[in-house]
N, C-alpha and C. Protein backbone atom coordinates (compact mmCIF):
# COMPACT_ATOMS: atom_id res chain seq x y z
N MET A 1 97.64 124.74 48.75
CA MET A 1 98.63 123.69 49.48
C MET A 1 98.21 124.54 51.20
N PRO A 2 98.00 123.58 51.80
CA PRO A 2 97.57 124.21 53.49
C PRO A 2 98.69 124.36 54.13
N ILE A 3 98.61 125.63 55.03
CA ILE A 3 99.81 125.58 55.79
C ILE A 3 98.94 125.51 57.28
N TYR A 4 100.08 124.82 58.39
CA TYR A 4 99.21 124.79 59.81
C TYR A 4 100.35 125.19 60.49
N GLN A 5 100.11 126.18 61.78
CA GLN A 5 100.76 126.52 62.32
C GLN A 5 100.26 126.68 64.02
N GLN A 6 100.88 126.41 65.06
CA GLN A 6 100.20 126.43 66.27
C GLN A 6 99.95 127.83 66.74
N VAL A 7 98.95 127.86 67.34
CA VAL A 7 98.57 129.15 68.33
C VAL A 7 97.95 129.15 69.46
N ILE A 8 98.23 130.18 70.34
CA ILE A 8 97.49 130.11 71.40
C ILE A 8 96.34 130.65 71.53
N SER A 9 95.91 131.73 70.92
CA SER A 9 94.41 132.22 71.05
C SER A 9 93.72 131.97 70.00
N ASP A 10 92.14 131.54 70.13
CA ASP A 10 91.33 131.38 69.31
C ASP A 10 90.77 132.63 68.80
N SER A 11 91.29 133.83 68.93
CA SER A 11 90.99 134.74 68.03
C SER A 11 92.05 135.45 67.25
N ILE A 12 91.71 134.49 65.99
CA ILE A 12 93.10 135.04 65.09
C ILE A 12 92.56 135.78 63.53
N VAL A 13 93.22 136.07 62.91
CA VAL A 13 92.67 136.67 61.65
C VAL A 13 93.93 136.44 60.43
N VAL A 14 93.88 135.82 59.31
CA VAL A 14 95.01 135.67 58.44
C VAL A 14 94.58 136.43 57.27
N HIS A 15 95.52 137.49 56.93
CA HIS A 15 95.38 138.19 55.90
C HIS A 15 96.59 138.08 54.90
N ASP A 16 96.25 138.23 53.43
CA ASP A 16 97.39 137.76 52.53
C ASP A 16 98.36 139.39 52.30
N SER A 17 99.22 139.27 51.36
CA SER A 17 99.99 140.18 51.13
C SER A 17 99.40 141.64 50.82
N GLU A 18 98.08 140.86 50.20
CA GLU A 18 97.35 142.69 49.47
C GLU A 18 96.20 143.18 50.78
N GLY A 19 96.25 142.24 51.94
CA GLY A 19 95.33 142.81 53.03
C GLY A 19 93.71 142.03 52.80
N ARG A 20 93.74 141.13 51.84
CA ARG A 20 92.56 140.24 51.88
C ARG A 20 93.00 139.63 53.30
N GLU A 21 91.50 139.17 53.84
CA GLU A 21 91.27 138.17 54.87
C GLU A 21 91.01 137.00 54.26
N VAL A 22 91.88 135.93 54.70
CA VAL A 22 92.35 134.51 54.23
C VAL A 22 91.45 133.50 55.23
N GLU A 23 90.48 132.80 54.38
CA GLU A 23 89.56 131.98 55.48
C GLU A 23 90.50 130.78 55.99
N SER A 24 90.35 130.82 57.37
CA SER A 24 90.93 129.82 58.22
C SER A 24 90.20 128.86 59.05
N GLN A 25 91.03 128.15 59.54
CA GLN A 25 90.30 127.28 60.62
C GLN A 25 91.24 126.77 61.83
N LEU A 26 90.64 126.89 63.15
CA LEU A 26 91.27 126.25 64.42
C LEU A 26 90.89 124.82 64.42
N LEU A 27 92.20 124.08 64.74
CA LEU A 27 91.70 122.48 64.80
C LEU A 27 92.43 122.29 66.43
N PRO A 28 92.05 121.42 67.20
CA PRO A 28 92.13 121.19 68.64
C PRO A 28 93.71 120.53 68.28
N ILE A 29 94.78 120.61 69.18
CA ILE A 29 96.08 119.83 69.32
C ILE A 29 95.71 118.61 70.05
N ALA A 30 96.34 117.54 69.63
CA ALA A 30 96.23 116.43 70.46
C ALA A 30 97.17 116.48 71.47
N ASN A 31 96.67 116.05 73.01
CA ASN A 31 97.33 115.94 73.84
C ASN A 31 99.00 115.33 73.66
N ALA A 32 99.09 114.24 72.79
CA ALA A 32 100.35 113.65 72.45
C ALA A 32 101.34 114.74 71.64
N SER A 33 100.50 115.31 70.96
CA SER A 33 101.33 116.63 70.39
C SER A 33 101.84 117.62 71.36
N LEU A 34 101.23 117.85 72.09
CA LEU A 34 101.55 118.81 72.93
C LEU A 34 102.66 118.08 74.10
N TYR A 35 102.60 116.76 74.62
CA TYR A 35 103.70 116.34 75.06
C TYR A 35 104.91 116.16 74.50
N MET A 36 105.09 115.91 73.31
CA MET A 36 106.11 115.61 72.63
C MET A 36 106.78 117.29 72.46
N ARG A 37 106.20 118.06 72.14
CA ARG A 37 106.29 119.73 72.24
C ARG A 37 107.13 119.94 73.17
N GLU A 38 106.75 119.80 74.46
CA GLU A 38 107.34 119.75 75.86
C GLU A 38 108.59 119.36 75.60
N LYS A 39 108.71 117.94 75.42
CA LYS A 39 109.73 117.40 75.73
C LYS A 39 110.98 117.80 74.37
N HIS A 40 110.53 118.43 73.55
CA HIS A 40 111.64 118.72 72.53
C HIS A 40 112.17 120.14 73.22
N VAL A 41 111.50 121.25 73.47
CA VAL A 41 111.41 122.21 74.21
C VAL A 41 112.40 122.16 75.48
N LYS A 42 112.02 121.48 76.28
CA LYS A 42 112.89 121.27 77.48
C LYS A 42 114.45 120.62 77.07
N ALA A 43 114.43 119.84 75.98
CA ALA A 43 115.62 118.93 75.73
C ALA A 43 116.51 120.39 75.05
N TYR A 44 116.19 121.22 74.34
CA TYR A 44 116.64 122.03 73.61
C TYR A 44 117.15 123.75 74.66
N LEU A 45 115.93 124.11 75.04
CA LEU A 45 116.36 124.82 75.95
C LEU A 45 116.73 124.57 77.38
N GLY A 46 116.50 123.75 78.06
CA GLY A 46 116.32 123.27 79.25
C GLY A 46 115.16 123.84 79.87
N MET A 47 114.17 124.23 79.59
CA MET A 47 113.15 124.35 80.70
C MET A 47 111.88 124.58 79.67
N LEU A 48 110.75 124.42 80.46
CA LEU A 48 109.28 124.30 79.67
C LEU A 48 108.97 125.57 79.10
N PRO A 49 108.10 125.20 78.10
CA PRO A 49 107.86 126.69 77.53
C PRO A 49 106.72 127.34 78.33
N ALA A 50 106.81 128.59 78.35
CA ALA A 50 105.92 129.82 79.07
C ALA A 50 104.37 129.21 79.02
N ALA A 51 104.25 129.23 77.40
CA ALA A 51 102.53 129.27 76.85
C ALA A 51 102.50 127.88 75.94
N LYS A 52 101.44 127.27 76.11
CA LYS A 52 101.33 126.04 75.40
C LYS A 52 100.41 126.44 74.66
N PRO A 53 100.15 126.11 73.20
CA PRO A 53 99.69 126.11 71.99
C PRO A 53 98.47 125.23 72.13
N LYS A 54 96.97 125.92 71.66
CA LYS A 54 95.82 125.19 72.05
C LYS A 54 95.31 124.93 70.90
N PHE A 55 95.93 125.25 69.79
CA PHE A 55 95.04 125.04 68.35
C PHE A 55 96.16 125.25 67.23
N TRP A 56 95.75 124.31 66.22
CA TRP A 56 96.62 124.21 64.92
C TRP A 56 95.44 125.54 64.22
N LEU A 57 96.43 126.35 63.43
CA LEU A 57 95.94 127.18 62.59
C LEU A 57 96.05 126.66 61.20
N ALA A 58 95.09 126.47 60.44
CA ALA A 58 95.21 126.13 59.19
C ALA A 58 94.47 126.84 58.01
N PHE A 59 95.14 127.11 57.03
CA PHE A 59 94.64 128.14 55.98
C PHE A 59 95.14 127.84 54.57
N PRO A 60 94.83 127.83 53.40
CA PRO A 60 94.91 127.96 52.31
C PRO A 60 95.81 128.42 51.52
N VAL A 61 96.98 128.67 51.08
CA VAL A 61 98.11 129.42 50.31
C VAL A 61 98.46 129.23 48.80
N SER A 62 98.44 130.46 48.43
CA SER A 62 99.12 130.24 47.03
C SER A 62 100.40 130.89 46.63
N VAL A 63 101.23 130.14 45.87
CA VAL A 63 102.37 130.15 45.54
C VAL A 63 102.76 130.36 44.26
N PRO A 64 103.39 131.47 43.46
CA PRO A 64 103.55 131.61 42.26
C PRO A 64 104.25 130.73 41.85
N PRO A 65 105.19 129.97 40.88
CA PRO A 65 106.04 129.26 40.70
C PRO A 65 107.55 130.03 40.61
N LEU A 66 108.10 129.14 41.39
CA LEU A 66 109.50 130.31 41.81
C LEU A 66 109.21 131.48 42.02
N GLY A 67 108.47 131.22 42.79
CA GLY A 67 108.06 132.64 43.53
C GLY A 67 107.61 132.58 45.20
N PHE A 68 107.39 133.63 45.56
CA PHE A 68 106.68 133.67 47.29
C PHE A 68 105.71 134.46 47.63
N ASN A 69 105.01 134.31 48.64
CA ASN A 69 104.01 134.98 48.96
C ASN A 69 104.08 135.47 50.55
N THR A 70 103.39 136.36 51.05
CA THR A 70 103.34 136.74 52.35
C THR A 70 102.26 136.35 52.90
N TYR A 71 101.91 135.94 54.44
CA TYR A 71 100.62 135.72 54.88
C TYR A 71 100.87 136.54 56.43
N PHE A 72 99.70 137.39 56.72
CA PHE A 72 100.15 137.83 58.13
C PHE A 72 98.95 137.32 59.11
N ILE A 73 99.43 136.90 60.14
CA ILE A 73 98.63 136.42 61.35
C ILE A 73 98.37 137.30 62.76
N SER A 74 97.33 137.35 62.70
CA SER A 74 97.10 138.69 63.83
C SER A 74 96.25 137.99 64.40
N SER A 75 96.28 138.76 65.86
CA SER A 75 95.12 138.63 66.72
C SER A 75 93.74 139.52 66.16
N GLY A 76 92.67 138.65 66.34
CA GLY A 76 91.43 139.55 66.18
C GLY A 76 90.77 140.76 66.92
N LYS A 77 91.61 140.51 67.86
CA LYS A 77 90.87 141.56 69.01
C LYS A 77 92.01 142.74 69.08
N LYS A 78 93.32 142.63 68.83
CA LYS A 78 94.21 143.56 69.15
C LYS A 78 94.89 143.84 67.88
N SER A 79 94.89 145.00 67.33
CA SER A 79 95.47 145.33 66.22
C SER A 79 97.22 145.77 66.17
N GLY A 80 97.66 145.51 65.28
CA GLY A 80 99.35 145.86 65.23
C GLY A 80 100.15 144.78 65.55
N GLU A 81 99.67 143.77 66.39
CA GLU A 81 100.35 142.41 66.74
C GLU A 81 100.48 141.63 65.78
N LEU A 82 101.43 141.51 64.50
CA LEU A 82 101.61 140.80 63.66
C LEU A 82 102.62 139.68 63.77
N ILE A 83 102.32 138.89 62.94
CA ILE A 83 103.43 137.43 62.83
C ILE A 83 103.49 137.58 61.15
N SER A 84 104.42 137.76 60.70
CA SER A 84 104.88 137.42 59.32
C SER A 84 105.16 136.06 58.99
N PHE A 85 104.53 135.48 57.85
CA PHE A 85 104.58 133.96 57.52
C PHE A 85 104.84 134.12 56.13
N PHE A 86 106.03 133.61 55.59
CA PHE A 86 106.28 133.43 54.32
C PHE A 86 106.25 132.39 53.69
N THR A 87 105.75 131.86 52.65
CA THR A 87 106.00 130.71 51.79
C THR A 87 106.68 130.64 50.38
N LYS A 88 107.20 129.95 49.94
CA LYS A 88 107.96 129.72 48.78
C LYS A 88 108.29 128.62 48.13
N THR A 89 108.26 128.37 46.95
CA THR A 89 108.65 127.15 46.43
C THR A 89 109.93 126.86 45.87
């Protein structure tokens, strides 16, 4: 099952819960998607977002039956800046 996450940087690394690097791919975001995102953010927060995502990050995940798995998205150039991403069934 693939996961898609919007990201700002093109220097991204994905690791699984055991620290192995997961193959990932960056896809460009269509202008129409960015426009809709800005409208939704402004409607809910009353202001435009400070940073615009540039890419969709796509990577395959594996989840055991009735379980979960954890993936970490981090900047490829900076260490210690992690975003936890959980998947579950």
